[in-house]
Amino acid sequence: MNYHNNENFKKNPELDEGYVSNSFNPLSNVLKSIQVLSAQFLEWFQELPQWGKITGLIIIPIMIIKILEAVISLVSLLINIGVFAGVIYIGYRFLIIPNYSGKGKDKNTNI
């Protein structure tokens, strides 16, 4: 005996075959945006005059290299600051705090 009415169960459109939500595939969104940007860049580049194309082929790679160099140096600076802060913290933790805690115990025992 079947006590369930099959008409009450509607098929969920999100579960249909072939349906993939964009929230589950962020990599495809990134790839699509890169493709759109590259198509726009190529369209812009094709509209340039000949001297503009030559200048662009010289200047654009130099600018990309300079931007990457700046990003790498910024990351390097942040790593150096982190290591320096860690060394200072470890020195403070092991060299200065034990001296203060020893003096504080002597003062409390005299009271």
N, C-alpha and C. Protein backbone atom coordinates (compact mmCIF):
# COMPACT_ATOMS: atom_id res chain seq x y z
N MET A 1 0.83 -1.17 0.00
CA MET A 1 0.00 0.00 0.00
C MET A 1 0.88 1.24 0.00
N ASN A 2 0.51 2.16 -0.82
CA ASN A 2 1.24 3.40 -0.92
C ASN A 2 0.37 4.51 -0.33
N TYR A 3 0.84 5.09 0.76
CA TYR A 3 0.09 6.14 1.43
C TYR A 3 0.50 7.55 0.97
N HIS A 4 1.49 7.65 0.12
CA HIS A 4 1.99 8.95 -0.32
C HIS A 4 1.39 9.30 -1.66
N ASN A 5 1.04 10.54 -1.82
CA ASN A 5 0.52 11.03 -3.08
C ASN A 5 1.70 11.57 -3.88
N ASN A 6 1.99 10.98 -4.99
CA ASN A 6 3.15 11.36 -5.79
C ASN A 6 3.02 12.76 -6.37
N GLU A 7 1.82 13.28 -6.48
CA GLU A 7 1.63 14.61 -7.03
C GLU A 7 2.11 15.69 -6.06
N ASN A 8 2.17 15.38 -4.78
CA ASN A 8 2.60 16.36 -3.79
C ASN A 8 4.11 16.58 -3.83
N PHE A 9 4.82 15.65 -4.39
CA PHE A 9 6.28 15.76 -4.45
C PHE A 9 6.67 16.39 -5.78
N LYS A 10 7.04 17.65 -5.71
CA LYS A 10 7.46 18.37 -6.92
C LYS A 10 8.96 18.19 -7.10
N LYS A 11 9.35 18.10 -8.31
CA LYS A 11 10.77 17.95 -8.61
C LYS A 11 11.45 19.30 -8.42
N ASN A 12 12.54 19.30 -7.70
CA ASN A 12 13.29 20.51 -7.42
C ASN A 12 14.08 20.92 -8.65
N PRO A 13 13.88 22.15 -9.19
CA PRO A 13 14.61 22.53 -10.42
C PRO A 13 16.11 22.64 -10.19
N GLU A 14 16.53 22.90 -8.95
CA GLU A 14 17.95 23.00 -8.68
C GLU A 14 18.65 21.65 -8.76
N LEU A 15 17.89 20.59 -8.64
CA LEU A 15 18.48 19.27 -8.67
C LEU A 15 18.40 18.62 -10.05
N ASP A 16 17.88 19.36 -11.03
CA ASP A 16 17.81 18.81 -12.39
C ASP A 16 19.21 18.47 -12.88
N GLU A 17 19.27 17.49 -13.76
CA GLU A 17 20.55 17.11 -14.33
C GLU A 17 21.07 18.24 -15.21
N GLY A 18 22.34 18.48 -15.12
CA GLY A 18 22.95 19.53 -15.92
C GLY A 18 22.93 20.89 -15.26
N TYR A 19 22.22 21.05 -14.16
CA TYR A 19 22.17 22.33 -13.48
C TYR A 19 23.29 22.38 -12.45
N VAL A 20 24.18 23.38 -12.60
CA VAL A 20 25.27 23.57 -11.65
C VAL A 20 25.22 25.01 -11.21
N SER A 21 25.11 25.22 -9.93
CA SER A 21 25.06 26.57 -9.41
C SER A 21 26.41 27.25 -9.51
N ASN A 22 26.41 28.56 -9.74
CA ASN A 22 27.66 29.31 -9.82
C ASN A 22 28.36 29.38 -8.48
N SER A 23 27.61 29.27 -7.38
CA SER A 23 28.25 29.35 -6.07
C SER A 23 29.09 28.10 -5.79
N PHE A 24 28.83 27.02 -6.49
CA PHE A 24 29.60 25.80 -6.28
C PHE A 24 30.84 25.75 -7.16
N ASN A 25 30.94 26.65 -8.11
CA ASN A 25 32.05 26.59 -9.04
C ASN A 25 32.67 27.98 -9.21
N PRO A 26 33.35 28.50 -8.19
CA PRO A 26 33.92 29.85 -8.31
C PRO A 26 35.08 29.92 -9.29
N LEU A 27 35.74 28.80 -9.52
CA LEU A 27 36.86 28.79 -10.46
C LEU A 27 36.37 29.10 -11.88
N SER A 28 35.21 28.62 -12.24
CA SER A 28 34.68 28.90 -13.58
C SER A 28 34.34 30.39 -13.71
N ASN A 29 33.87 31.01 -12.61
CA ASN A 29 33.60 32.45 -12.66
C ASN A 29 34.88 33.24 -12.88
N VAL A 30 35.95 32.84 -12.22
CA VAL A 30 37.24 33.52 -12.37
C VAL A 30 37.75 33.35 -13.80
N LEU A 31 37.65 32.13 -14.32
CA LEU A 31 38.11 31.88 -15.68
C LEU A 31 37.30 32.66 -16.71
N LYS A 32 35.99 32.76 -16.49
CA LYS A 32 35.16 33.53 -17.41
C LYS A 32 35.52 35.00 -17.36
N SER A 33 35.77 35.54 -16.17
CA SER A 33 36.13 36.95 -16.08
C SER A 33 37.49 37.21 -16.72
N ILE A 34 38.43 36.27 -16.58
CA ILE A 34 39.73 36.42 -17.24
C ILE A 34 39.57 36.39 -18.75
N GLN A 35 38.71 35.51 -19.24
CA GLN A 35 38.47 35.45 -20.68
C GLN A 35 37.85 36.75 -21.19
N VAL A 36 36.92 37.31 -20.43
CA VAL A 36 36.28 38.57 -20.84
C VAL A 36 37.31 39.69 -20.86
N LEU A 37 38.14 39.76 -19.82
CA LEU A 37 39.16 40.80 -19.76
C LEU A 37 40.18 40.67 -20.89
N SER A 38 40.59 39.43 -21.17
CA SER A 38 41.55 39.24 -22.26
C SER A 38 40.93 39.59 -23.61
N ALA A 39 39.66 39.28 -23.81
CA ALA A 39 38.99 39.64 -25.06
C ALA A 39 38.89 41.15 -25.20
N GLN A 40 38.56 41.84 -24.10
CA GLN A 40 38.50 43.30 -24.15
C GLN A 40 39.87 43.90 -24.43
N PHE A 41 40.91 43.35 -23.81
CA PHE A 41 42.27 43.84 -24.04
C PHE A 41 42.68 43.64 -25.49
N LEU A 42 42.41 42.46 -26.04
CA LEU A 42 42.78 42.20 -27.43
C LEU A 42 42.02 43.11 -28.39
N GLU A 43 40.76 43.38 -28.09
CA GLU A 43 39.97 44.28 -28.93
C GLU A 43 40.55 45.69 -28.88
N TRP A 44 40.91 46.14 -27.67
CA TRP A 44 41.53 47.46 -27.52
C TRP A 44 42.87 47.52 -28.25
N PHE A 45 43.65 46.46 -28.13
CA PHE A 45 44.97 46.42 -28.73
C PHE A 45 44.88 46.44 -30.26
N GLN A 46 43.89 45.76 -30.82
CA GLN A 46 43.73 45.73 -32.28
C GLN A 46 43.35 47.09 -32.85
N GLU A 47 42.70 47.93 -32.03
CA GLU A 47 42.28 49.25 -32.48
C GLU A 47 43.42 50.27 -32.46
N LEU A 48 44.53 49.94 -31.83
CA LEU A 48 45.66 50.87 -31.76
C LEU A 48 46.33 51.00 -33.12
N PRO A 49 46.92 52.17 -33.38
CA PRO A 49 47.72 52.29 -34.61
C PRO A 49 49.00 51.47 -34.48
N GLN A 50 49.72 51.34 -35.58
CA GLN A 50 50.92 50.49 -35.60
C GLN A 50 51.95 50.93 -34.57
N TRP A 51 52.21 52.24 -34.47
CA TRP A 51 53.20 52.73 -33.50
C TRP A 51 52.71 52.49 -32.07
N GLY A 52 51.40 52.52 -31.85
CA GLY A 52 50.83 52.24 -30.52
C GLY A 52 51.01 50.78 -30.14
N LYS A 53 50.86 49.90 -31.12
CA LYS A 53 51.06 48.47 -30.85
C LYS A 53 52.51 48.19 -30.48
N ILE A 54 53.45 48.80 -31.21
CA ILE A 54 54.87 48.59 -30.92
C ILE A 54 55.21 49.13 -29.54
N THR A 55 54.73 50.34 -29.26
CA THR A 55 54.97 50.95 -27.94
C THR A 55 54.34 50.11 -26.84
N GLY A 56 53.14 49.62 -27.08
CA GLY A 56 52.46 48.78 -26.09
C GLY A 56 53.20 47.49 -25.82
N LEU A 57 53.75 46.89 -26.88
CA LEU A 57 54.50 45.65 -26.70
C LEU A 57 55.80 45.87 -25.93
N ILE A 58 56.29 47.10 -25.90
CA ILE A 58 57.50 47.40 -25.13
C ILE A 58 57.14 47.80 -23.70
N ILE A 59 56.14 48.68 -23.55
CA ILE A 59 55.84 49.26 -22.24
C ILE A 59 55.03 48.31 -21.35
N ILE A 60 54.05 47.61 -21.90
CA ILE A 60 53.18 46.75 -21.08
C ILE A 60 53.96 45.67 -20.34
N PRO A 61 54.87 44.93 -20.97
CA PRO A 61 55.63 43.93 -20.20
C PRO A 61 56.51 44.56 -19.11
N ILE A 62 57.08 45.73 -19.40
CA ILE A 62 57.90 46.40 -18.39
C ILE A 62 57.04 46.79 -17.19
N MET A 63 55.83 47.30 -17.44
CA MET A 63 54.93 47.69 -16.35
C MET A 63 54.49 46.47 -15.54
N ILE A 64 54.22 45.36 -16.22
CA ILE A 64 53.82 44.14 -15.51
C ILE A 64 54.96 43.65 -14.63
N ILE A 65 56.18 43.69 -15.15
CA ILE A 65 57.34 43.27 -14.35
C ILE A 65 57.52 44.17 -13.14
N LYS A 66 57.35 45.48 -13.32
CA LYS A 66 57.51 46.43 -12.21
C LYS A 66 56.43 46.22 -11.15
N ILE A 67 55.21 45.96 -11.57
CA ILE A 67 54.12 45.71 -10.61
C ILE A 67 54.40 44.43 -9.84
N LEU A 68 54.81 43.37 -10.52
CA LEU A 68 55.14 42.12 -9.83
C LEU A 68 56.31 42.31 -8.88
N GLU A 69 57.30 43.09 -9.29
CA GLU A 69 58.44 43.37 -8.43
C GLU A 69 58.01 44.11 -7.16
N ALA A 70 57.09 45.07 -7.30
CA ALA A 70 56.59 45.81 -6.15
C ALA A 70 55.81 44.91 -5.21
N VAL A 71 54.99 44.01 -5.76
CA VAL A 71 54.22 43.10 -4.93
C VAL A 71 55.14 42.15 -4.18
N ILE A 72 56.14 41.63 -4.86
CA ILE A 72 57.09 40.70 -4.22
C ILE A 72 57.87 41.41 -3.12
N SER A 73 58.29 42.64 -3.37
CA SER A 73 59.04 43.37 -2.33
C SER A 73 58.14 43.70 -1.15
N LEU A 74 56.86 43.97 -1.39
CA LEU A 74 55.92 44.22 -0.29
C LEU A 74 55.72 42.97 0.55
N VAL A 75 55.56 41.83 -0.10
CA VAL A 75 55.42 40.57 0.64
C VAL A 75 56.69 40.27 1.42
N SER A 76 57.84 40.51 0.83
CA SER A 76 59.10 40.30 1.51
C SER A 76 59.21 41.21 2.73
N LEU A 77 58.80 42.46 2.60
CA LEU A 77 58.82 43.39 3.72
C LEU A 77 57.91 42.92 4.85
N LEU A 78 56.72 42.45 4.50
CA LEU A 78 55.80 41.96 5.53
C LEU A 78 56.35 40.73 6.24
N ILE A 79 57.02 39.84 5.52
CA ILE A 79 57.63 38.67 6.14
C ILE A 79 58.75 39.10 7.07
N ASN A 80 59.58 40.06 6.64
CA ASN A 80 60.67 40.54 7.49
C ASN A 80 60.14 41.20 8.75
N ILE A 81 59.08 41.99 8.64
CA ILE A 81 58.49 42.61 9.81
C ILE A 81 57.94 41.55 10.76
N GLY A 82 57.31 40.52 10.22
CA GLY A 82 56.78 39.43 11.05
C GLY A 82 57.87 38.69 11.79
N VAL A 83 58.97 38.39 11.10
CA VAL A 83 60.09 37.68 11.75
C VAL A 83 60.71 38.57 12.81
N PHE A 84 60.91 39.85 12.52
CA PHE A 84 61.48 40.78 13.49
C PHE A 84 60.59 40.91 14.71
N ALA A 85 59.28 41.02 14.50
CA ALA A 85 58.35 41.10 15.63
C ALA A 85 58.37 39.81 16.44
N GLY A 86 58.49 38.67 15.79
CA GLY A 86 58.57 37.40 16.51
C GLY A 86 59.82 37.31 17.35
N VAL A 87 60.95 37.76 16.82
CA VAL A 87 62.21 37.73 17.59
C VAL A 87 62.10 38.66 18.80
N ILE A 88 61.54 39.83 18.60
CA ILE A 88 61.37 40.77 19.72
C ILE A 88 60.44 40.17 20.77
N TYR A 89 59.34 39.55 20.35
CA TYR A 89 58.40 38.95 21.30
C TYR A 89 59.06 37.82 22.08
N ILE A 90 59.80 36.96 21.39
CA ILE A 90 60.47 35.85 22.07
C ILE A 90 61.50 36.38 23.06
N GLY A 91 62.27 37.40 22.65
CA GLY A 91 63.23 38.00 23.57
C GLY A 91 62.54 38.61 24.77
N TYR A 92 61.45 39.30 24.57
CA TYR A 92 60.70 39.90 25.67
C TYR A 92 60.13 38.81 26.57
N ARG A 93 59.62 37.79 25.97
CA ARG A 93 58.96 36.72 26.75
C ARG A 93 59.94 35.97 27.63
N PHE A 94 61.14 35.67 27.10
CA PHE A 94 62.08 34.82 27.85
C PHE A 94 63.15 35.60 28.61
N LEU A 95 63.40 36.83 28.23
CA LEU A 95 64.47 37.58 28.90
C LEU A 95 63.96 38.63 29.87
N ILE A 96 62.88 39.29 29.58
CA ILE A 96 62.44 40.40 30.42
C ILE A 96 61.35 39.98 31.40
N ILE A 97 60.37 39.21 30.96
CA ILE A 97 59.27 38.82 31.86
C ILE A 97 59.76 38.01 33.06
N PRO A 98 60.67 37.06 32.95
CA PRO A 98 61.11 36.34 34.15
C PRO A 98 61.76 37.26 35.18
N ASN A 99 62.46 38.30 34.77
CA ASN A 99 63.08 39.23 35.72
C ASN A 99 62.02 39.99 36.50
N TYR A 100 60.95 40.41 35.86
CA TYR A 100 59.90 41.15 36.55
C TYR A 100 59.10 40.25 37.48
N SER A 101 58.85 39.02 37.08
CA SER A 101 58.06 38.14 37.94
C SER A 101 58.85 37.76 39.19
N GLY A 102 60.16 37.65 39.12
CA GLY A 102 60.98 37.34 40.29
C GLY A 102 60.99 38.49 41.27
N LYS A 103 61.06 39.72 40.78
CA LYS A 103 61.05 40.88 41.66
C LYS A 103 59.69 41.07 42.30
N GLY A 104 58.64 40.77 41.60
CA GLY A 104 57.29 40.92 42.15
C GLY A 104 57.03 39.95 43.27
N LYS A 105 57.60 38.76 43.22
CA LYS A 105 57.39 37.77 44.29
C LYS A 105 58.11 38.19 45.57
N ASP A 106 59.30 38.80 45.41
CA ASP A 106 60.05 39.25 46.60
C ASP A 106 59.29 40.35 47.33
N LYS A 107 58.68 41.27 46.59
CA LYS A 107 57.95 42.37 47.20
C LYS A 107 56.71 41.85 47.91
N ASN A 108 56.02 40.87 47.35
CA ASN A 108 54.80 40.36 47.96
C ASN A 108 55.09 39.58 49.24
N THR A 109 56.22 38.93 49.33
CA THR A 109 56.52 38.14 50.53
C THR A 109 56.91 39.02 51.70
N ASN A 110 57.37 40.23 51.45
CA ASN A 110 57.75 41.15 52.53
C ASN A 110 56.55 41.83 53.15
N ILE A 111 55.42 41.84 52.49
CA ILE A 111 54.26 42.55 53.00
C ILE A 111 53.54 41.78 54.05
